[in-house]
């Protein structure tokens, strides 16, 4: 099973530059060692009126990540609460 890696700011800069010179998505993906669908999704998701904007794409990604639902860890107090509810 492959592991998932988020795109970094540097990778987004490279996507921008390679796309700007006219390189196709398959070649960009091979150059950056990522899946072609990752490049396709990144370009489509962050395509504005002025084309792909890597700074804006990274800002949106970081905001989305910071607003994501955090997983709740099973703590001792959480276990006590659960036992209290079932007693």
PDB file of N, CA and C in Angstrom:
ATOM      1  N   UNK A   1       0.835  -1.175   0.000  1.00  0.00           N
ATOM      2  CA  UNK A   1       0.000   0.000   0.000  1.00  0.00           C
ATOM      3  C   UNK A   1       0.888   1.250   0.000  1.00  0.00           C
ATOM      4  N   UNK A   2       0.572   2.188  -0.864  1.00  0.00           N
ATOM      5  CA  UNK A   2       1.344   3.426  -0.936  1.00  0.00           C
ATOM      6  C   UNK A   2       0.938   4.365   0.178  1.00  0.00           C
ATOM      7  N   UNK A   3       1.900   5.157   0.623  1.00  0.00           N
ATOM      8  CA  UNK A   3       1.585   6.150   1.641  1.00  0.00           C
ATOM      9  C   UNK A   3       1.203   7.459   0.948  1.00  0.00           C
ATOM     10  N   UNK A   4       0.433   8.252   1.652  1.00  0.00           N
ATOM     11  CA  UNK A   4      -0.054   9.513   1.118  1.00  0.00           C
ATOM     12  C   UNK A   4       0.810  10.651   1.632  1.00  0.00           C
ATOM     13  N   UNK A   5       1.265  11.502   0.739  1.00  0.00           N
ATOM     14  CA  UNK A   5       2.043  12.677   1.113  1.00  0.00           C
ATOM     15  C   UNK A   5       1.352  13.915   0.567  1.00  0.00           C
ATOM     16  N   UNK A   6       1.187  14.901   1.409  1.00  0.00           N
ATOM     17  CA  UNK A   6       0.591  16.153   0.959  1.00  0.00           C
ATOM     18  C   UNK A   6       1.585  16.906   0.088  1.00  0.00           C
ATOM     19  N   UNK A   7       1.039  17.733  -0.802  1.00  0.00           N
ATOM     20  CA  UNK A   7       1.900  18.552  -1.645  1.00  0.00           C
ATOM     21  C   UNK A   7       2.461  19.698  -0.801  1.00  0.00           C
ATOM     22  N   UNK A   8       3.735  19.934  -0.946  1.00  0.00           N
ATOM     23  CA  UNK A   8       4.390  21.014  -0.217  1.00  0.00           C
ATOM     24  C   UNK A   8       4.361  22.288  -1.061  1.00  0.00           C
ATOM     25  N   UNK A   9       4.722  23.378  -0.435  1.00  0.00           N
ATOM     26  CA  UNK A   9       4.799  24.662  -1.141  1.00  0.00           C
ATOM     27  C   UNK A   9       5.783  24.563  -2.310  1.00  0.00           C
ATOM     28  N   UNK A  10       6.931  23.927  -2.072  1.00  0.00           N
ATOM     29  CA  UNK A  10       7.946  23.793  -3.116  1.00  0.00           C
ATOM     30  C   UNK A  10       7.426  22.988  -4.307  1.00  0.00           C
ATOM     31  N   UNK A  11       6.693  21.927  -4.039  1.00  0.00           N
ATOM     32  CA  UNK A  11       6.141  21.104  -5.117  1.00  0.00           C
ATOM     33  C   UNK A  11       5.109  21.903  -5.899  1.00  0.00           C
ATOM     34  N   UNK A  12       4.304  22.685  -5.197  1.00  0.00           N
ATOM     35  CA  UNK A  12       3.320  23.521  -5.892  1.00  0.00           C
ATOM     36  C   UNK A  12       4.019  24.554  -6.783  1.00  0.00           C
ATOM     37  N   UNK A  13       5.135  25.097  -6.319  1.00  0.00           N
ATOM     38  CA  UNK A  13       5.921  26.034  -7.146  1.00  0.00           C
ATOM     39  C   UNK A  13       6.426  25.340  -8.404  1.00  0.00           C
ATOM     40  N   UNK A  14       6.891  24.110  -8.246  1.00  0.00           N
ATOM     41  CA  UNK A  14       7.381  23.349  -9.395  1.00  0.00           C
ATOM     42  C   UNK A  14       6.246  23.025 -10.364  1.00  0.00           C
ATOM     43  N   UNK A  15       5.086  22.661  -9.836  1.00  0.00           N
ATOM     44  CA  UNK A  15       3.925  22.397 -10.701  1.00  0.00           C
ATOM     45  C   UNK A  15       3.605  23.641 -11.513  1.00  0.00           C
ATOM     46  N   UNK A  16       3.608  24.790 -10.856  1.00  0.00           N
ATOM     47  CA  UNK A  16       3.328  26.054 -11.532  1.00  0.00           C
ATOM     48  C   UNK A  16       4.324  26.307 -12.665  1.00  0.00           C
ATOM     49  N   UNK A  17       5.604  26.175 -12.337  1.00  0.00           N
ATOM     50  CA  UNK A  17       6.646  26.476 -13.329  1.00  0.00           C
ATOM     51  C   UNK A  17       6.586  25.514 -14.513  1.00  0.00           C
ATOM     52  N   UNK A  18       6.432  24.227 -14.226  1.00  0.00           N
ATOM     53  CA  UNK A  18       6.400  23.237 -15.304  1.00  0.00           C
ATOM     54  C   UNK A  18       5.138  23.383 -16.147  1.00  0.00           C
ATOM     55  N   UNK A  19       4.039  23.700 -15.514  1.00  0.00           N
ATOM     56  CA  UNK A  19       2.793  23.925 -16.247  1.00  0.00           C
ATOM     57  C   UNK A  19       2.906  25.175 -17.114  1.00  0.00           C
ATOM     58  N   UNK A  20       3.555  26.193 -16.578  1.00  0.00           N
ATOM     59  CA  UNK A  20       3.711  27.469 -17.283  1.00  0.00           C
ATOM     60  C   UNK A  20       4.516  27.310 -18.578  1.00  0.00           C
ATOM     61  N   UNK A  21       5.518  26.414 -18.563  1.00  0.00           N
ATOM     62  CA  UNK A  21       6.324  26.218 -19.784  1.00  0.00           C
ATOM     63  C   UNK A  21       5.668  25.246 -20.764  1.00  0.00           C
ATOM     64  N   UNK A  22       4.467  24.749 -20.380  1.00  0.00           N
ATOM     65  CA  UNK A  22       3.710  23.919 -21.308  1.00  0.00           C
ATOM     66  C   UNK A  22       3.897  22.420 -21.157  1.00  0.00           C
ATOM     67  N   UNK A  23       4.537  21.985 -20.091  1.00  0.00           N
ATOM     68  CA  UNK A  23       4.726  20.553 -19.875  1.00  0.00           C
ATOM     69  C   UNK A  23       3.373  19.923 -19.531  1.00  0.00           C
ATOM     70  N   UNK A  24       3.109  18.740 -20.103  1.00  0.00           N
ATOM     71  CA  UNK A  24       1.822  18.109 -19.814  1.00  0.00           C
ATOM     72  C   UNK A  24       1.818  17.454 -18.437  1.00  0.00           C
ATOM     73  N   UNK A  25       0.619  17.100 -17.985  1.00  0.00           N
ATOM     74  CA  UNK A  25       0.444  16.595 -16.625  1.00  0.00           C
ATOM     75  C   UNK A  25       1.209  15.295 -16.371  1.00  0.00           C
ATOM     76  N   UNK A  26       1.266  14.415 -17.358  1.00  0.00           N
ATOM     77  CA  UNK A  26       2.001  13.155 -17.180  1.00  0.00           C
ATOM     78  C   UNK A  26       3.485  13.409 -16.945  1.00  0.00           C
ATOM     79  N   UNK A  27       4.055  14.303 -17.707  1.00  0.00           N
ATOM     80  CA  UNK A  27       5.480  14.604 -17.552  1.00  0.00           C
ATOM     81  C   UNK A  27       5.757  15.316 -16.231  1.00  0.00           C
ATOM     82  N   UNK A  28       4.858  16.207 -15.829  1.00  0.00           N
ATOM     83  CA  UNK A  28       5.014  16.888 -14.532  1.00  0.00           C
ATOM     84  C   UNK A  28       4.993  15.857 -13.417  1.00  0.00           C
ATOM     85  N   UNK A  29       4.040  14.927 -13.494  1.00  0.00           N
ATOM     86  CA  UNK A  29       3.914  13.886 -12.469  1.00  0.00           C
ATOM     87  C   UNK A  29       5.177  13.035 -12.384  1.00  0.00           C
ATOM     88  N   UNK A  30       5.715  12.639 -13.514  1.00  0.00           N
ATOM     89  CA  UNK A  30       6.945  11.836 -13.524  1.00  0.00           C
ATOM     90  C   UNK A  30       8.124  12.626 -12.977  1.00  0.00           C
ATOM     91  N   UNK A  31       8.208  13.884 -13.335  1.00  0.00           N
ATOM     92  CA  UNK A  31       9.298  14.751 -12.871  1.00  0.00           C
ATOM     93  C   UNK A  31       9.278  14.916 -11.355  1.00  0.00           C
ATOM     94  N   UNK A  32       8.066  15.031 -10.787  1.00  0.00           N
ATOM     95  CA  UNK A  32       7.921  15.284  -9.356  1.00  0.00           C
ATOM     96  C   UNK A  32       7.688  14.009  -8.540  1.00  0.00           C
ATOM     97  N   UNK A  33       7.624  12.877  -9.229  1.00  0.00           N
ATOM     98  CA  UNK A  33       7.421  11.576  -8.584  1.00  0.00           C
ATOM     99  C   UNK A  33       6.114  11.518  -7.797  1.00  0.00           C
ATOM    100  N   UNK A  34       5.047  12.006  -8.428  1.00  0.00           N
ATOM    101  CA  UNK A  34       3.711  11.898  -7.855  1.00  0.00           C
ATOM    102  C   UNK A  34       2.783  11.311  -8.909  1.00  0.00           C
ATOM    103  N   UNK A  35       1.606  10.892  -8.482  1.00  0.00           N
ATOM    104  CA  UNK A  35       0.640  10.316  -9.398  1.00  0.00           C
ATOM    105  C   UNK A  35       0.089  11.396 -10.320  1.00  0.00           C
ATOM    106  N   UNK A  36      -0.216  11.026 -11.541  1.00  0.00           N
ATOM    107  CA  UNK A  36      -0.746  11.982 -12.507  1.00  0.00           C
ATOM    108  C   UNK A  36      -2.074  12.558 -12.039  1.00  0.00           C
ATOM    109  N   UNK A  37      -2.882  11.749 -11.371  1.00  0.00           N
ATOM    110  CA  UNK A  37      -4.181  12.244 -10.893  1.00  0.00           C
ATOM    111  C   UNK A  37      -4.001  13.323  -9.830  1.00  0.00           C
ATOM    112  N   UNK A  38      -2.915  13.263  -9.068  1.00  0.00           N
ATOM    113  CA  UNK A  38      -2.622  14.296  -8.068  1.00  0.00           C
ATOM    114  C   UNK A  38      -2.405  15.642  -8.760  1.00  0.00           C
ATOM    115  N   UNK A  39      -1.647  15.619  -9.846  1.00  0.00           N
ATOM    116  CA  UNK A  39      -1.383  16.846 -10.611  1.00  0.00           C
ATOM    117  C   UNK A  39      -2.686  17.369 -11.210  1.00  0.00           C
ATOM    118  N   UNK A  40      -3.460  16.476 -11.788  1.00  0.00           N
ATOM    119  CA  UNK A  40      -4.726  16.852 -12.400  1.00  0.00           C
ATOM    120  C   UNK A  40      -5.664  17.486 -11.378  1.00  0.00           C
ATOM    121  N   UNK A  41      -5.812  16.847 -10.224  1.00  0.00           N
ATOM    122  CA  UNK A  41      -6.682  17.378  -9.176  1.00  0.00           C
ATOM    123  C   UNK A  41      -6.187  18.724  -8.664  1.00  0.00           C
ATOM    124  N   UNK A  42      -4.889  18.850  -8.477  1.00  0.00           N
ATOM    125  CA  UNK A  42      -4.310  20.101  -7.977  1.00  0.00           C
ATOM    126  C   UNK A  42      -4.583  21.246  -8.950  1.00  0.00           C
ATOM    127  N   UNK A  43      -4.382  20.999 -10.239  1.00  0.00           N
ATOM    128  CA  UNK A  43      -4.594  22.054 -11.229  1.00  0.00           C
ATOM    129  C   UNK A  43      -6.076  22.416 -11.353  1.00  0.00           C
ATOM    130  N   UNK A  44      -6.954  21.414 -11.353  1.00  0.00           N
ATOM    131  CA  UNK A  44      -8.383  21.691 -11.466  1.00  0.00           C
ATOM    132  C   UNK A  44      -8.933  22.373 -10.216  1.00  0.00           C
ATOM    133  N   UNK A  45      -8.527  21.896  -9.066  1.00  0.00           N
ATOM    134  CA  UNK A  45      -9.037  22.411  -7.791  1.00  0.00           C
ATOM    135  C   UNK A  45      -8.636  23.867  -7.587  1.00  0.00           C
ATOM    136  N   UNK A  46      -7.496  24.266  -8.107  1.00  0.00           N
ATOM    137  CA  UNK A  46      -6.952  25.600  -7.831  1.00  0.00           C
ATOM    138  C   UNK A  46      -6.831  26.460  -9.080  1.00  0.00           C
ATOM    139  N   UNK A  47      -7.704  26.216 -10.026  1.00  0.00           N
ATOM    140  CA  UNK A  47      -7.689  26.987 -11.261  1.00  0.00           C
ATOM    141  C   UNK A  47      -8.611  28.185 -11.114  1.00  0.00           C
ATOM    142  N   UNK A  48      -8.051  29.365 -11.170  1.00  0.00           N
ATOM    143  CA  UNK A  48      -8.835  30.596 -11.055  1.00  0.00           C
ATOM    144  C   UNK A  48      -8.914  31.294 -12.395  1.00  0.00           C
ATOM    145  N   UNK A  49      -9.379  32.511 -12.365  1.00  0.00           N
ATOM    146  CA  UNK A  49      -9.499  33.290 -13.602  1.00  0.00           C
ATOM    147  C   UNK A  49      -8.139  33.565 -14.222  1.00  0.00           C
ATOM    148  N   UNK A  50      -7.116  33.613 -13.393  1.00  0.00           N
ATOM    149  CA  UNK A  50      -5.771  33.892 -13.887  1.00  0.00           C
ATOM    150  C   UNK A  50      -4.912  32.637 -13.973  1.00  0.00           C
ATOM    151  N   UNK A  51      -5.538  31.469 -14.020  1.00  0.00           N
ATOM    152  CA  UNK A  51      -4.800  30.215 -14.125  1.00  0.00           C
ATOM    153  C   UNK A  51      -4.449  29.643 -12.761  1.00  0.00           C
ATOM    154  N   UNK A  52      -3.529  28.699 -12.748  1.00  0.00           N
ATOM    155  CA  UNK A  52      -3.089  28.061 -11.504  1.00  0.00           C
ATOM    156  C   UNK A  52      -2.201  29.011 -10.728  1.00  0.00           C
ATOM    157  N   UNK A  53      -2.540  29.228  -9.471  1.00  0.00           N
ATOM    158  CA  UNK A  53      -1.787  30.143  -8.621  1.00  0.00           C
ATOM    159  C   UNK A  53      -1.283  29.361  -7.413  1.00  0.00           C
ATOM    160  N   UNK A  54       0.005  29.060  -7.385  1.00  0.00           N
ATOM    161  CA  UNK A  54       0.564  28.176  -6.361  1.00  0.00           C
ATOM    162  C   UNK A  54       0.477  28.747  -4.952  1.00  0.00           C
ATOM    163  N   UNK A  55       0.653  30.060  -4.779  1.00  0.00           N
ATOM    164  CA  UNK A  55       0.557  30.657  -3.437  1.00  0.00           C
ATOM    165  C   UNK A  55      -0.862  30.539  -2.901  1.00  0.00           C
ATOM    166  N   UNK A  56      -1.809  30.837  -3.752  1.00  0.00           N
ATOM    167  CA  UNK A  56      -3.216  30.743  -3.368  1.00  0.00           C
ATOM    168  C   UNK A  56      -3.591  29.285  -3.088  1.00  0.00           C
ATOM    169  N   UNK A  57      -3.109  28.369  -3.902  1.00  0.00           N
ATOM    170  CA  UNK A  57      -3.392  26.942  -3.712  1.00  0.00           C
ATOM    171  C   UNK A  57      -2.863  26.457  -2.376  1.00  0.00           C
ATOM    172  N   UNK A  58      -1.658  26.869  -2.032  1.00  0.00           N
ATOM    173  CA  UNK A  58      -1.064  26.430  -0.772  1.00  0.00           C
ATOM    174  C   UNK A  58      -1.805  27.046   0.423  1.00  0.00           C
ATOM    175  N   UNK A  59      -2.185  28.305   0.309  1.00  0.00           N
ATOM    176  CA  UNK A  59      -2.921  28.972   1.384  1.00  0.00           C
ATOM    177  C   UNK A  59      -4.252  28.258   1.631  1.00  0.00           C
ATOM    178  N   UNK A  60      -4.969  27.934   0.573  1.00  0.00           N
ATOM    179  CA  UNK A  60      -6.253  27.240   0.702  1.00  0.00           C
ATOM    180  C   UNK A  60      -6.055  25.868   1.327  1.00  0.00           C
ATOM    181  N   UNK A  61      -5.017  25.149   0.907  1.00  0.00           N
ATOM    182  CA  UNK A  61      -4.742  23.814   1.444  1.00  0.00           C
ATOM    183  C   UNK A  61      -4.426  23.872   2.929  1.00  0.00           C
ATOM    184  N   UNK A  62      -3.628  24.850   3.338  1.00  0.00           N
ATOM    185  CA  UNK A  62      -3.273  24.976   4.753  1.00  0.00           C
ATOM    186  C   UNK A  62      -4.477  25.389   5.603  1.00  0.00           C
ATOM    187  N   UNK A  63      -5.325  26.263   5.073  1.00  0.00           N
ATOM    188  CA  UNK A  63      -6.540  26.651   5.791  1.00  0.00           C
ATOM    189  C   UNK A  63      -7.473  25.459   5.944  1.00  0.00           C
ATOM    190  N   UNK A  64      -7.612  24.694   4.889  1.00  0.00           N
ATOM    191  CA  UNK A  64      -8.463  23.507   4.926  1.00  0.00           C
ATOM    192  C   UNK A  64      -7.942  22.504   5.945  1.00  0.00           C
ATOM    193  N   UNK A  65      -6.650  22.330   5.971  1.00  0.00           N
ATOM    194  CA  UNK A  65      -6.032  21.387   6.907  1.00  0.00           C
ATOM    195  C   UNK A  65      -6.217  21.854   8.352  1.00  0.00           C
ATOM    196  N   UNK A  66      -6.084  23.147   8.597  1.00  0.00           N
ATOM    197  CA  UNK A  66      -6.227  23.637   9.966  1.00  0.00           C
ATOM    198  C   UNK A  66      -7.680  23.603  10.440  1.00  0.00           C
ATOM    199  N   UNK A  67      -8.628  23.660   9.502  1.00  0.00           N
ATOM    200  CA  UNK A  67     -10.046  23.616   9.850  1.00  0.00           C
ATOM    201  C   UNK A  67     -10.606  22.198   9.874  1.00  0.00           C
ATOM    202  N   UNK A  68      -9.797  21.226   9.530  1.00  0.00           N
ATOM    203  CA  UNK A  68     -10.262  19.839   9.464  1.00  0.00           C
ATOM    204  C   UNK A  68     -10.628  19.322  10.850  1.00  0.00           C
ATOM    205  N   UNK A  69     -11.582  18.417  10.868  1.00  0.00           N
ATOM    206  CA  UNK A  69     -12.012  17.812  12.127  1.00  0.00           C
ATOM    207  C   UNK A  69     -10.858  17.012  12.720  1.00  0.00           C
ATOM    208  N   UNK A  70     -10.532  17.306  13.938  1.00  0.00           N
ATOM    209  CA  UNK A  70      -9.445  16.601  14.617  1.00  0.00           C
ATOM    210  C   UNK A  70      -9.992  15.325  15.235  1.00  0.00           C
ATOM    211  N   UNK A  71      -9.213  14.268  15.203  1.00  0.00           N
ATOM    212  CA  UNK A  71      -9.657  13.018  15.801  1.00  0.00           C
ATOM    213  C   UNK A  71      -9.590  13.128  17.326  1.00  0.00           C
ATOM    214  N   UNK A  72     -10.537  12.482  17.956  1.00  0.00           N
ATOM    215  CA  UNK A  72     -10.597  12.516  19.416  1.00  0.00           C
ATOM    216  C   UNK A  72      -9.811  11.335  19.964  1.00  0.00           C
ATOM    217  N   UNK A  73      -8.875  11.629  20.804  1.00  0.00           N
ATOM    218  CA  UNK A  73      -8.039  10.589  21.400  1.00  0.00           C
ATOM    219  C   UNK A  73      -8.750   9.986  22.600  1.00  0.00           C
ATOM    220  N   UNK A  74      -8.559   8.689  22.792  1.00  0.00           N
ATOM    221  CA  UNK A  74      -9.127   8.005  23.946  1.00  0.00           C
ATOM    222  C   UNK A  74      -8.229   8.287  25.147  1.00  0.00           C
ATOM    223  N   UNK A  75      -8.701   9.138  26.013  1.00  0.00           N
ATOM    224  CA  UNK A  75      -7.946   9.518  27.211  1.00  0.00           C
ATOM    225  C   UNK A  75      -8.576   8.853  28.431  1.00  0.00           C
ATOM    226  N   UNK A  76      -7.906   8.942  29.534  1.00  0.00           N
ATOM    227  CA  UNK A  76      -8.423   8.356  30.774  1.00  0.00           C
ATOM    228  C   UNK A  76      -9.747   9.008  31.154  1.00  0.00           C
ATOM    229  N   UNK A  77      -9.826  10.309  31.008  1.00  0.00           N
ATOM    230  CA  UNK A  77     -11.078  11.003  31.358  1.00  0.00           C
ATOM    231  C   UNK A  77     -12.207  10.605  30.408  1.00  0.00           C
ATOM    232  N   UNK A  78     -11.877  10.363  29.137  1.00  0.00           N
ATOM    233  CA  UNK A  78     -12.874   9.922  28.175  1.00  0.00           C
ATOM    234  C   UNK A  78     -13.364   8.516  28.536  1.00  0.00           C
ATOM    235  N   UNK A  79     -12.449   7.631  28.926  1.00  0.00           N
ATOM    236  CA  UNK A  79     -12.834   6.280  29.346  1.00  0.00           C
ATOM    237  C   UNK A  79     -13.730   6.330  30.571  1.00  0.00           C
ATOM    238  N   UNK A  80     -13.412   7.199  31.541  1.00  0.00           N
ATOM    239  CA  UNK A  80     -14.234   7.353  32.736  1.00  0.00           C
ATOM    240  C   UNK A  80     -15.643   7.826  32.363  1.00  0.00           C
ATOM    241  N   UNK A  81     -15.727   8.758  31.452  1.00  0.00           N
ATOM    242  CA  UNK A  81     -17.022   9.273  31.013  1.00  0.00           C
ATOM    243  C   UNK A  81     -17.852   8.162  30.364  1.00  0.00           C
ATOM    244  N   UNK A  82     -17.221   7.368  29.527  1.00  0.00           N
ATOM    245  CA  UNK A  82     -17.919   6.265  28.856  1.00  0.00           C
ATOM    246  C   UNK A  82     -18.414   5.247  29.885  1.00  0.00           C
ATOM    247  N   UNK A  83     -17.550   4.876  30.813  1.00  0.00           N
ATOM    248  CA  UNK A  83     -17.959   3.918  31.850  1.00  0.00           C
ATOM    249  C   UNK A  83     -19.089   4.480  32.694  1.00  0.00           C
ATOM    250  N   UNK A  84     -19.047   5.768  32.983  1.00  0.00           N
ATOM    251  CA  UNK A  84     -20.083   6.424  33.775  1.00  0.00           C
ATOM    252  C   UNK A  84     -21.445   6.345  33.061  1.00  0.00           C
ATOM    253  N   UNK A  85     -21.416   6.515  31.742  1.00  0.00           N
ATOM    254  CA  UNK A  85     -22.655   6.497  30.953  1.00  0.00           C
ATOM    255  C   UNK A  85     -23.259   5.086  30.888  1.00  0.00           C
ATOM    256  N   UNK A  86     -22.428   4.059  30.929  1.00  0.00           N
ATOM    257  CA  UNK A  86     -22.895   2.682  30.801  1.00  0.00           C
ATOM    258  C   UNK A  86     -23.132   1.988  32.146  1.00  0.00           C
ATOM    259  N   UNK A  87     -22.854   2.646  33.236  1.00  0.00           N
ATOM    260  CA  UNK A  87     -23.099   2.048  34.566  1.00  0.00           C
ATOM    261  C   UNK A  87     -24.475   2.359  35.053  1.00  0.00           C
TER     262      UNK A  87
END
